[in-house]
Amino acid sequence: MKTVVQKIFLDTTFLLPFFGIRPKIKKYSSTQFKETLKGFKEIHITYLSVYETKAKIFRMHKKGTISRTVLDKFWYALKILLEDKRFFFHTYDESIDKNLNDFLEKYSLDIFDALILASAVNKTDILLTEDSSLLSINKDLENKIRIKNWEKLKNNHNLTP
């Protein structure tokens, strides 16, 4: 098991498993995901991802791809995360606003991806995402945060900053 030394910020894709939704990621394993997260002392999430997760679950329920039970258990699952001392939920603040303005001017990012990045910078070591536009600017931001996808994170045995 890896030493608990870092903070990780999860984008919406990686919040879904906590609500019983398997993300559509190549070579994703829920067991491996749980083990990988054990290597982090703090797990950070923006409330934007909570809202986006609820919307995705609702849309899936309306399409009939998940049961009403998953929808109904949303609050219970969220409450468990909110009460877990390893999880930190971020609201919009002045530093996020400044970061957001900077990122939107410099990069061609979707507003929601930029908001997640703006929330993660200066708070964590790694942003875990599958978003290609965020992954494409990793090298440019590596002095502030490392942006990784699942494949790179799970295969990286040296996670120290």
Protein backbone atom coordinates (compact mmCIF):
# COMPACT_ATOMS: atom_id res chain seq x y z
CA MET A 1 0.00 0.00 0.00
CA LYS A 2 1.20 3.52 -0.81
CA THR A 3 2.15 5.96 1.92
CA VAL A 4 -0.59 8.45 2.78
CA VAL A 5 1.06 11.72 1.78
CA GLN A 6 -1.07 13.62 -0.70
CA LYS A 7 -4.27 15.41 -1.45
CA ILE A 8 -6.32 14.57 -4.52
CA PHE A 9 -9.15 16.49 -6.17
CA LEU A 10 -11.78 14.40 -7.94
CA ASP A 11 -13.74 15.67 -10.89
CA THR A 12 -17.36 14.60 -11.36
CA THR A 13 -16.48 11.37 -13.16
CA PHE A 14 -14.72 10.11 -10.04
CA LEU A 15 -17.50 11.18 -7.71
CA LEU A 16 -19.98 8.89 -9.49
CA PRO A 17 -18.69 5.62 -7.90
CA PHE A 18 -19.63 6.88 -4.44
CA PHE A 19 -23.24 6.97 -5.65
CA GLY A 20 -23.26 3.51 -7.18
CA ILE A 21 -22.50 4.57 -10.77
CA ARG A 22 -19.58 2.93 -12.53
CA PRO A 23 -17.74 5.52 -14.65
CA LYS A 24 -17.22 4.68 -18.31
CA ILE A 25 -13.45 4.48 -18.13
CA LYS A 26 -11.26 1.94 -19.84
CA LYS A 27 -9.69 -0.50 -17.35
CA TYR A 28 -11.58 1.01 -14.40
CA SER A 29 -11.92 -1.21 -11.35
CA SER A 30 -13.89 -0.13 -8.29
CA THR A 31 -11.64 -2.24 -6.05
CA GLN A 32 -8.52 -0.62 -7.50
CA PHE A 33 -10.14 2.82 -7.21
CA LYS A 34 -10.82 2.28 -3.48
CA GLU A 35 -7.27 1.03 -2.91
CA THR A 36 -5.77 3.96 -4.81
CA LEU A 37 -7.77 6.50 -2.78
CA LYS A 38 -6.46 4.93 0.43
CA GLY A 39 -3.08 6.38 -0.58
CA PHE A 40 -4.34 9.93 -0.10
CA LYS A 41 -4.85 11.63 3.23
CA GLU A 42 -7.36 14.12 1.79
CA ILE A 43 -9.94 13.83 -0.99
CA HIS A 44 -11.28 17.12 -2.34
CA ILE A 45 -14.44 17.78 -4.34
CA THR A 46 -16.25 20.89 -5.49
CA TYR A 47 -19.96 21.22 -4.79
CA LEU A 48 -20.36 21.78 -8.53
CA SER A 49 -19.54 18.08 -8.99
CA VAL A 50 -22.16 17.13 -6.40
CA TYR A 51 -24.82 18.99 -8.39
CA GLU A 52 -23.57 17.56 -11.66
CA THR A 53 -23.62 14.04 -10.20
CA LYS A 54 -27.21 14.47 -9.03
CA ALA A 55 -28.20 15.71 -12.49
CA LYS A 56 -26.51 12.73 -14.19
CA ILE A 57 -28.19 10.26 -11.84
CA PHE A 58 -31.56 11.88 -12.44
CA ARG A 59 -31.09 11.75 -16.23
CA MET A 60 -30.05 8.10 -16.01
CA HIS A 61 -33.14 7.32 -13.94
CA LYS A 62 -35.41 9.09 -16.46
CA LYS A 63 -33.84 7.02 -19.27
CA GLY A 64 -34.39 3.85 -17.25
CA THR A 65 -30.70 2.94 -17.00
CA ILE A 66 -30.69 3.02 -13.19
CA SER A 67 -33.30 2.25 -10.58
CA ARG A 68 -35.24 4.72 -8.49
CA THR A 69 -33.34 3.32 -5.48
CA VAL A 70 -30.06 4.86 -6.68
CA LEU A 71 -31.80 8.21 -7.07
CA ASP A 72 -33.42 7.95 -3.64
CA LYS A 73 -30.17 6.98 -1.91
CA PHE A 74 -28.30 10.03 -3.24
CA TRP A 75 -28.60 12.08 -0.05
CA TYR A 76 -27.64 9.14 2.16
CA ALA A 77 -24.48 8.51 0.11
CA LEU A 78 -23.61 12.23 0.07
CA LYS A 79 -24.12 12.48 3.82
CA ILE A 80 -21.58 9.68 4.36
CA LEU A 81 -19.01 11.63 2.33
CA LEU A 82 -19.83 14.92 4.08
CA GLU A 83 -19.25 13.28 7.47
CA ASP A 84 -16.01 11.57 6.44
CA LYS A 85 -13.05 13.59 7.73
CA ARG A 86 -10.95 12.69 4.66
CA PHE A 87 -13.37 14.47 2.31
CA PHE A 88 -13.27 18.24 1.77
CA PHE A 89 -16.01 20.00 -0.18
CA HIS A 90 -15.26 23.37 -1.76
CA THR A 91 -17.64 26.24 -2.31
CA TYR A 92 -17.05 29.11 -4.70
CA ASP A 93 -14.78 31.75 -3.20
CA GLU A 94 -12.52 34.64 -4.19
CA SER A 95 -9.48 32.48 -4.98
CA ILE A 96 -11.55 30.19 -7.21
CA ASP A 97 -12.98 33.25 -9.00
CA LYS A 98 -9.48 34.59 -9.68
CA ASN A 99 -8.22 31.21 -10.89
CA LEU A 100 -11.31 30.80 -13.07
CA ASN A 101 -10.80 34.17 -14.76
CA ASP A 102 -7.13 33.33 -15.41
CA PHE A 103 -7.87 29.87 -16.82
CA LEU A 104 -10.72 31.03 -19.05
CA GLU A 105 -8.52 33.76 -20.53
CA LYS A 106 -5.53 31.48 -21.09
CA TYR A 107 -7.10 28.16 -22.10
CA SER A 108 -9.96 26.99 -24.25
CA LEU A 109 -11.90 25.20 -21.50
CA ASP A 110 -15.56 24.49 -20.89
CA ILE A 111 -16.76 26.68 -17.99
CA PHE A 112 -17.47 23.69 -15.75
CA ASP A 113 -14.10 22.06 -16.39
CA ALA A 114 -12.44 25.42 -15.71
CA LEU A 115 -14.41 25.71 -12.45
CA ILE A 116 -13.23 22.28 -11.30
CA LEU A 117 -9.64 23.16 -12.18
CA ALA A 118 -9.93 26.56 -10.50
CA SER A 119 -11.21 24.82 -7.37
CA ALA A 120 -8.42 22.25 -7.36
CA VAL A 121 -5.40 24.51 -7.94
CA ASN A 122 -3.52 25.54 -4.81
CA LYS A 123 -5.53 23.10 -2.67
CA THR A 124 -4.36 19.68 -3.83
CA ASP A 125 -1.45 17.88 -5.46
CA ILE A 126 -3.42 16.04 -8.15
CA LEU A 127 -6.60 16.62 -10.12
CA LEU A 128 -8.05 13.31 -11.29
CA THR A 129 -10.06 13.72 -14.49
CA GLU A 130 -10.78 12.06 -17.81
CA ASP A 131 -11.40 15.39 -19.53
CA SER A 132 -9.06 15.70 -22.52
CA SER A 133 -8.99 19.52 -22.48
CA LEU A 134 -7.80 19.51 -18.85
CA LEU A 135 -5.30 16.73 -19.45
CA SER A 136 -3.88 18.65 -22.42
CA ILE A 137 -2.76 21.56 -20.20
CA ASN A 138 -1.10 19.38 -17.55
CA LYS A 139 2.46 20.30 -18.53
CA ASP A 140 1.63 24.00 -18.44
CA LEU A 141 0.32 23.73 -14.85
CA GLU A 142 2.63 21.12 -13.35
CA ASN A 143 4.23 23.65 -10.99
CA LYS A 144 0.74 24.25 -9.50
CA ILE A 145 -1.04 20.88 -9.84
CA ARG A 146 -0.65 17.58 -11.65
CA ILE A 147 -3.61 16.65 -13.84
CA LYS A 148 -3.93 12.90 -14.28
CA ASN A 149 -6.37 10.47 -15.76
CA TRP A 150 -7.24 7.11 -14.19
CA GLU A 151 -4.72 5.15 -16.27
CA LYS A 152 -1.80 7.36 -15.25
CA LEU A 153 -2.82 7.56 -11.61
CA LYS A 154 -3.32 3.85 -11.08
CA ASN A 155 -0.01 3.02 -12.79
CA ASN A 156 2.00 5.68 -10.98
CA HIS A 157 3.81 4.09 -8.08
CA ASN A 158 5.68 7.27 -7.10
CA LEU A 159 2.93 9.70 -6.11
CA THR A 160 5.00 11.97 -3.90
CA PRO A 161 4.89 15.64 -4.90
